[in-house]
Amino acid sequence: MENFYHSIGMPINFQELGVHPDIRQIREMAERCCAASGSHTGSAKQLRLEDMIEIYLMADQILLL
């Protein structure tokens, strides 16, 4: 997937976007994502706030893996 995203000019992590959010900003992004998604009807998997925070943390630290 990463190769495909790069082939279409899409970044795969925050560093490639040139942003470095702190934990407070990551939590705020996750909270806004929860608010914007509204209902989970039709979703393949229901994501909790903690799940979203973890996804954002992985996007921030992907190059450390």
PDB file of N, CA and C in Angstrom:
ATOM      1  N   MET A   1       0.815  -1.183   0.000  1.00  0.00           N
ATOM      2  CA  MET A   1       0.000   0.000   0.000  1.00  0.00           C
ATOM      3  C   MET A   1       0.866   1.256   0.000  1.00  0.00           C
ATOM      4  N   GLU A   2       1.929   1.238   0.783  1.00  0.00           N
ATOM      5  CA  GLU A   2       2.788   2.424   0.841  1.00  0.00           C
ATOM      6  C   GLU A   2       3.336   2.775  -0.538  1.00  0.00           C
ATOM      7  N   ASN A   3       3.774   1.772  -1.290  1.00  0.00           N
ATOM      8  CA  ASN A   3       4.299   2.026  -2.636  1.00  0.00           C
ATOM      9  C   ASN A   3       3.214   2.628  -3.528  1.00  0.00           C
ATOM     10  N   PHE A   4       2.007   2.099  -3.433  1.00  0.00           N
ATOM     11  CA  PHE A   4       0.906   2.644  -4.228  1.00  0.00           C
ATOM     12  C   PHE A   4       0.639   4.093  -3.849  1.00  0.00           C
ATOM     13  N   TYR A   5       0.536   4.366  -2.555  1.00  0.00           N
ATOM     14  CA  TYR A   5       0.278   5.745  -2.121  1.00  0.00           C
ATOM     15  C   TYR A   5       1.364   6.689  -2.635  1.00  0.00           C
ATOM     16  N   HIS A   6       2.605   6.269  -2.529  1.00  0.00           N
ATOM     17  CA  HIS A   6       3.697   7.106  -3.033  1.00  0.00           C
ATOM     18  C   HIS A   6       3.590   7.293  -4.554  1.00  0.00           C
ATOM     19  N   SER A   7       3.163   6.254  -5.260  1.00  0.00           N
ATOM     20  CA  SER A   7       3.073   6.350  -6.726  1.00  0.00           C
ATOM     21  C   SER A   7       2.038   7.378  -7.166  1.00  0.00           C
ATOM     22  N   ILE A   8       1.067   7.661  -6.311  1.00  0.00           N
ATOM     23  CA  ILE A   8       0.056   8.667  -6.659  1.00  0.00           C
ATOM     24  C   ILE A   8       0.301   9.980  -5.907  1.00  0.00           C
ATOM     25  N   GLY A   9       1.476  10.082  -5.295  1.00  0.00           N
ATOM     26  CA  GLY A   9       1.858  11.323  -4.628  1.00  0.00           C
ATOM     27  C   GLY A   9       1.213  11.547  -3.283  1.00  0.00           C
ATOM     28  N   MET A  10       0.764  10.469  -2.661  1.00  0.00           N
ATOM     29  CA  MET A  10       0.094  10.581  -1.363  1.00  0.00           C
ATOM     30  C   MET A  10       1.075  10.264  -0.234  1.00  0.00           C
ATOM     31  N   PRO A  11       1.126  11.106   0.793  1.00  0.00           N
ATOM     32  CA  PRO A  11       2.015  10.823   1.930  1.00  0.00           C
ATOM     33  C   PRO A  11       1.478   9.654   2.754  1.00  0.00           C
ATOM     34  N   ILE A  12       2.388   9.004   3.471  1.00  0.00           N
ATOM     35  CA  ILE A  12       1.968   7.864   4.287  1.00  0.00           C
ATOM     36  C   ILE A  12       2.094   8.109   5.784  1.00  0.00           C
ATOM     37  N   ASN A  13       2.631   9.268   6.167  1.00  0.00           N
ATOM     38  CA  ASN A  13       2.743   9.558   7.590  1.00  0.00           C
ATOM     39  C   ASN A  13       2.808  11.065   7.804  1.00  0.00           C
ATOM     40  N   PHE A  14       2.766  11.476   9.036  1.00  0.00           N
ATOM     41  CA  PHE A  14       2.784  12.900   9.357  1.00  0.00           C
ATOM     42  C   PHE A  14       4.077  13.572   8.920  1.00  0.00           C
ATOM     43  N   GLN A  15       5.210  12.873   9.044  1.00  0.00           N
ATOM     44  CA  GLN A  15       6.494  13.462   8.671  1.00  0.00           C
ATOM     45  C   GLN A  15       6.486  13.861   7.201  1.00  0.00           C
ATOM     46  N   GLU A  16       5.941  13.005   6.349  1.00  0.00           N
ATOM     47  CA  GLU A  16       5.872  13.326   4.929  1.00  0.00           C
ATOM     48  C   GLU A  16       4.925  14.494   4.658  1.00  0.00           C
ATOM     49  N   LEU A  17       4.014  14.743   5.565  1.00  0.00           N
ATOM     50  CA  LEU A  17       3.139  15.913   5.457  1.00  0.00           C
ATOM     51  C   LEU A  17       3.819  17.169   5.997  1.00  0.00           C
ATOM     52  N   GLY A  18       4.913  16.960   6.732  1.00  0.00           N
ATOM     53  CA  GLY A  18       5.625  18.083   7.325  1.00  0.00           C
ATOM     54  C   GLY A  18       5.009  18.566   8.627  1.00  0.00           C
ATOM     55  N   VAL A  19       4.262  17.699   9.281  1.00  0.00           N
ATOM     56  CA  VAL A  19       3.657  18.062  10.565  1.00  0.00           C
ATOM     57  C   VAL A  19       4.139  17.101  11.645  1.00  0.00           C
ATOM     58  N   HIS A  20       4.184  17.600  12.866  1.00  0.00           N
ATOM     59  CA  HIS A  20       4.648  16.800  14.002  1.00  0.00           C
ATOM     60  C   HIS A  20       3.731  17.081  15.191  1.00  0.00           C
ATOM     61  N   PRO A  21       2.535  16.475  15.185  1.00  0.00           N
ATOM     62  CA  PRO A  21       1.575  16.762  16.251  1.00  0.00           C
ATOM     63  C   PRO A  21       2.017  16.184  17.592  1.00  0.00           C
ATOM     64  N   ASP A  22       1.694  16.911  18.670  1.00  0.00           N
ATOM     65  CA  ASP A  22       1.946  16.372  19.999  1.00  0.00           C
ATOM     66  C   ASP A  22       0.713  15.563  20.420  1.00  0.00           C
ATOM     67  N   ILE A  23       0.790  14.927  21.567  1.00  0.00           N
ATOM     68  CA  ILE A  23      -0.293  14.032  22.002  1.00  0.00           C
ATOM     69  C   ILE A  23      -1.606  14.789  22.167  1.00  0.00           C
ATOM     70  N   ARG A  24      -1.547  16.036  22.589  1.00  0.00           N
ATOM     71  CA  ARG A  24      -2.767  16.835  22.733  1.00  0.00           C
ATOM     72  C   ARG A  24      -3.430  17.054  21.373  1.00  0.00           C
ATOM     73  N   GLN A  25      -2.626  17.346  20.364  1.00  0.00           N
ATOM     74  CA  GLN A  25      -3.154  17.559  19.022  1.00  0.00           C
ATOM     75  C   GLN A  25      -3.685  16.258  18.420  1.00  0.00           C
ATOM     76  N   ILE A  26      -2.997  15.157  18.694  1.00  0.00           N
ATOM     77  CA  ILE A  26      -3.467  13.852  18.209  1.00  0.00           C
ATOM     78  C   ILE A  26      -4.816  13.521  18.828  1.00  0.00           C
ATOM     79  N   ARG A  27      -4.956  13.762  20.119  1.00  0.00           N
ATOM     80  CA  ARG A  27      -6.239  13.495  20.782  1.00  0.00           C
ATOM     81  C   ARG A  27      -7.327  14.375  20.187  1.00  0.00           C
ATOM     82  N   GLU A  28      -7.026  15.633  19.934  1.00  0.00           N
ATOM     83  CA  GLU A  28      -8.019  16.535  19.345  1.00  0.00           C
ATOM     84  C   GLU A  28      -8.437  16.061  17.951  1.00  0.00           C
ATOM     85  N   MET A  29      -7.474  15.596  17.147  1.00  0.00           N
ATOM     86  CA  MET A  29      -7.808  15.071  15.820  1.00  0.00           C
ATOM     87  C   MET A  29      -8.729  13.862  15.938  1.00  0.00           C
ATOM     88  N   ALA A  30      -8.428  12.976  16.883  1.00  0.00           N
ATOM     89  CA  ALA A  30      -9.248  11.790  17.083  1.00  0.00           C
ATOM     90  C   ALA A  30     -10.657  12.168  17.550  1.00  0.00           C
ATOM     91  N   GLU A  31     -10.753  13.130  18.456  1.00  0.00           N
ATOM     92  CA  GLU A  31     -12.068  13.567  18.941  1.00  0.00           C
ATOM     93  C   GLU A  31     -12.882  14.183  17.802  1.00  0.00           C
ATOM     94  N   ARG A  32     -12.229  14.968  16.956  1.00  0.00           N
ATOM     95  CA  ARG A  32     -12.934  15.570  15.816  1.00  0.00           C
ATOM     96  C   ARG A  32     -13.362  14.508  14.813  1.00  0.00           C
ATOM     97  N   CYS A  33     -12.536  13.505  14.638  1.00  0.00           N
ATOM     98  CA  CYS A  33     -12.877  12.403  13.740  1.00  0.00           C
ATOM     99  C   CYS A  33     -14.113  11.667  14.259  1.00  0.00           C
ATOM    100  N   CYS A  34     -14.152  11.414  15.566  1.00  0.00           N
ATOM    101  CA  CYS A  34     -15.328  10.759  16.175  1.00  0.00           C
ATOM    102  C   CYS A  34     -16.568  11.605  15.963  1.00  0.00           C
ATOM    103  N   ALA A  35     -16.461  12.892  16.197  1.00  0.00           N
ATOM    104  CA  ALA A  35     -17.611  13.792  16.051  1.00  0.00           C
ATOM    105  C   ALA A  35     -18.069  13.852  14.598  1.00  0.00           C
ATOM    106  N   ALA A  36     -17.139  13.888  13.659  1.00  0.00           N
ATOM    107  CA  ALA A  36     -17.486  14.006  12.244  1.00  0.00           C
ATOM    108  C   ALA A  36     -18.081  12.725  11.680  1.00  0.00           C
ATOM    109  N   SER A  37     -17.673  11.581  12.227  1.00  0.00           N
ATOM    110  CA  SER A  37     -18.147  10.309  11.679  1.00  0.00           C
ATOM    111  C   SER A  37     -19.577  10.002  12.080  1.00  0.00           C
ATOM    112  N   GLY A  38     -20.064  10.647  13.143  1.00  0.00           N
ATOM    113  CA  GLY A  38     -21.451  10.430  13.556  1.00  0.00           C
ATOM    114  C   GLY A  38     -21.728   8.969  13.859  1.00  0.00           C
ATOM    115  N   SER A  39     -22.643   8.403  13.126  1.00  0.00           N
ATOM    116  CA  SER A  39     -23.039   7.012  13.336  1.00  0.00           C
ATOM    117  C   SER A  39     -22.018   6.057  12.737  1.00  0.00           C
ATOM    118  N   HIS A  40     -21.904   4.901  13.351  1.00  0.00           N
ATOM    119  CA  HIS A  40     -21.005   3.868  12.841  1.00  0.00           C
ATOM    120  C   HIS A  40     -21.749   2.906  11.924  1.00  0.00           C
ATOM    121  N   THR A  41     -23.009   3.202  11.613  1.00  0.00           N
ATOM    122  CA  THR A  41     -23.790   2.336  10.754  1.00  0.00           C
ATOM    123  C   THR A  41     -23.098   2.175   9.405  1.00  0.00           C
ATOM    124  N   GLY A  42     -22.945   0.938   8.983  1.00  0.00           N
ATOM    125  CA  GLY A  42     -22.329   0.665   7.696  1.00  0.00           C
ATOM    126  C   GLY A  42     -20.816   0.584   7.741  1.00  0.00           C
ATOM    127  N   SER A  43     -20.230   0.840   8.889  1.00  0.00           N
ATOM    128  CA  SER A  43     -18.775   0.761   9.011  1.00  0.00           C
ATOM    129  C   SER A  43     -18.338  -0.700   9.065  1.00  0.00           C
ATOM    130  N   ALA A  44     -17.167  -0.967   8.515  1.00  0.00           N
ATOM    131  CA  ALA A  44     -16.630  -2.329   8.578  1.00  0.00           C
ATOM    132  C   ALA A  44     -16.238  -2.687  10.003  1.00  0.00           C
ATOM    133  N   LYS A  45     -15.736  -1.709  10.737  1.00  0.00           N
ATOM    134  CA  LYS A  45     -15.349  -1.908  12.136  1.00  0.00           C
ATOM    135  C   LYS A  45     -15.616  -0.621  12.888  1.00  0.00           C
ATOM    136  N   GLN A  46     -16.202  -0.744  14.043  1.00  0.00           N
ATOM    137  CA  GLN A  46     -16.436   0.440  14.859  1.00  0.00           C
ATOM    138  C   GLN A  46     -15.133   0.813  15.552  1.00  0.00           C
ATOM    139  N   LEU A  47     -14.753   2.076  15.407  1.00  0.00           N
ATOM    140  CA  LEU A  47     -13.541   2.573  16.039  1.00  0.00           C
ATOM    141  C   LEU A  47     -13.907   3.445  17.227  1.00  0.00           C
ATOM    142  N   ARG A  48     -13.286   3.161  18.344  1.00  0.00           N
ATOM    143  CA  ARG A  48     -13.457   3.990  19.528  1.00  0.00           C
ATOM    144  C   ARG A  48     -12.435   5.115  19.487  1.00  0.00           C
ATOM    145  N   LEU A  49     -12.594   6.103  20.335  1.00  0.00           N
ATOM    146  CA  LEU A  49     -11.661   7.214  20.412  1.00  0.00           C
ATOM    147  C   LEU A  49     -10.236   6.699  20.615  1.00  0.00           C
ATOM    148  N   GLU A  50     -10.067   5.721  21.488  1.00  0.00           N
ATOM    149  CA  GLU A  50      -8.737   5.169  21.770  1.00  0.00           C
ATOM    150  C   GLU A  50      -8.135   4.525  20.527  1.00  0.00           C
ATOM    151  N   ASP A  51      -8.977   3.868  19.704  1.00  0.00           N
ATOM    152  CA  ASP A  51      -8.501   3.273  18.451  1.00  0.00           C
ATOM    153  C   ASP A  51      -7.961   4.355  17.520  1.00  0.00           C
ATOM    154  N   MET A  52      -8.707   5.449  17.416  1.00  0.00           N
ATOM    155  CA  MET A  52      -8.298   6.541  16.530  1.00  0.00           C
ATOM    156  C   MET A  52      -7.002   7.191  17.010  1.00  0.00           C
ATOM    157  N   ILE A  53      -6.877   7.362  18.308  1.00  0.00           N
ATOM    158  CA  ILE A  53      -5.636   7.916  18.863  1.00  0.00           C
ATOM    159  C   ILE A  53      -4.467   7.008  18.508  1.00  0.00           C
ATOM    160  N   GLU A  54      -4.645   5.711  18.650  1.00  0.00           N
ATOM    161  CA  GLU A  54      -3.582   4.756  18.339  1.00  0.00           C
ATOM    162  C   GLU A  54      -3.194   4.825  16.858  1.00  0.00           C
ATOM    163  N   ILE A  55      -4.176   4.968  15.975  1.00  0.00           N
ATOM    164  CA  ILE A  55      -3.897   5.092  14.537  1.00  0.00           C
ATOM    165  C   ILE A  55      -3.073   6.343  14.265  1.00  0.00           C
ATOM    166  N   TYR A  56      -3.470   7.466  14.870  1.00  0.00           N
ATOM    167  CA  TYR A  56      -2.716   8.710  14.683  1.00  0.00           C
ATOM    168  C   TYR A  56      -1.300   8.592  15.249  1.00  0.00           C
ATOM    169  N   LEU A  57      -1.147   7.922  16.386  1.00  0.00           N
ATOM    170  CA  LEU A  57       0.190   7.728  16.957  1.00  0.00           C
ATOM    171  C   LEU A  57       1.058   6.892  16.030  1.00  0.00           C
ATOM    172  N   MET A  58       0.480   5.863  15.412  1.00  0.00           N
ATOM    173  CA  MET A  58       1.231   5.045  14.474  1.00  0.00           C
ATOM    174  C   MET A  58       1.642   5.862  13.249  1.00  0.00           C
ATOM    175  N   ALA A  59       0.760   6.758  12.789  1.00  0.00           N
ATOM    176  CA  ALA A  59       1.086   7.608  11.639  1.00  0.00           C
ATOM    177  C   ALA A  59       2.212   8.575  11.977  1.00  0.00           C
ATOM    178  N   ASP A  60       2.302   8.946  13.243  1.00  0.00           N
ATOM    179  CA  ASP A  60       3.348   9.868  13.661  1.00  0.00           C
ATOM    180  C   ASP A  60       4.691   9.162  13.828  1.00  0.00           C
ATOM    181  N   GLN A  61       4.663   7.880  14.168  1.00  0.00           N
ATOM    182  CA  GLN A  61       5.892   7.155  14.498  1.00  0.00           C
ATOM    183  C   GLN A  61       6.241   6.084  13.500  1.00  0.00           C
ATOM    184  N   ILE A  62       5.605   6.072  12.353  1.00  0.00           N
ATOM    185  CA  ILE A  62       5.785   4.971  11.385  1.00  0.00           C
ATOM    186  C   ILE A  62       7.243   4.764  10.987  1.00  0.00           C
ATOM    187  N   LEU A  63       8.016   5.828  10.918  1.00  0.00           N
ATOM    188  CA  LEU A  63       9.410   5.689  10.507  1.00  0.00           C
ATOM    189  C   LEU A  63      10.296   5.101  11.599  1.00  0.00           C
ATOM    190  N   LEU A  64       9.775   5.015  12.814  1.00  0.00           N
ATOM    191  CA  LEU A  64      10.552   4.454  13.927  1.00  0.00           C
ATOM    192  C   LEU A  64      10.429   2.941  13.991  1.00  0.00           C
ATOM    193  N   LEU A  65       9.481   2.374  13.236  1.00  0.00           N
ATOM    194  CA  LEU A  65       9.258   0.924  13.297  1.00  0.00           C
ATOM    195  C   LEU A  65      10.323   0.154  12.555  1.00  0.00           C
TER     196      LEU A  65
END
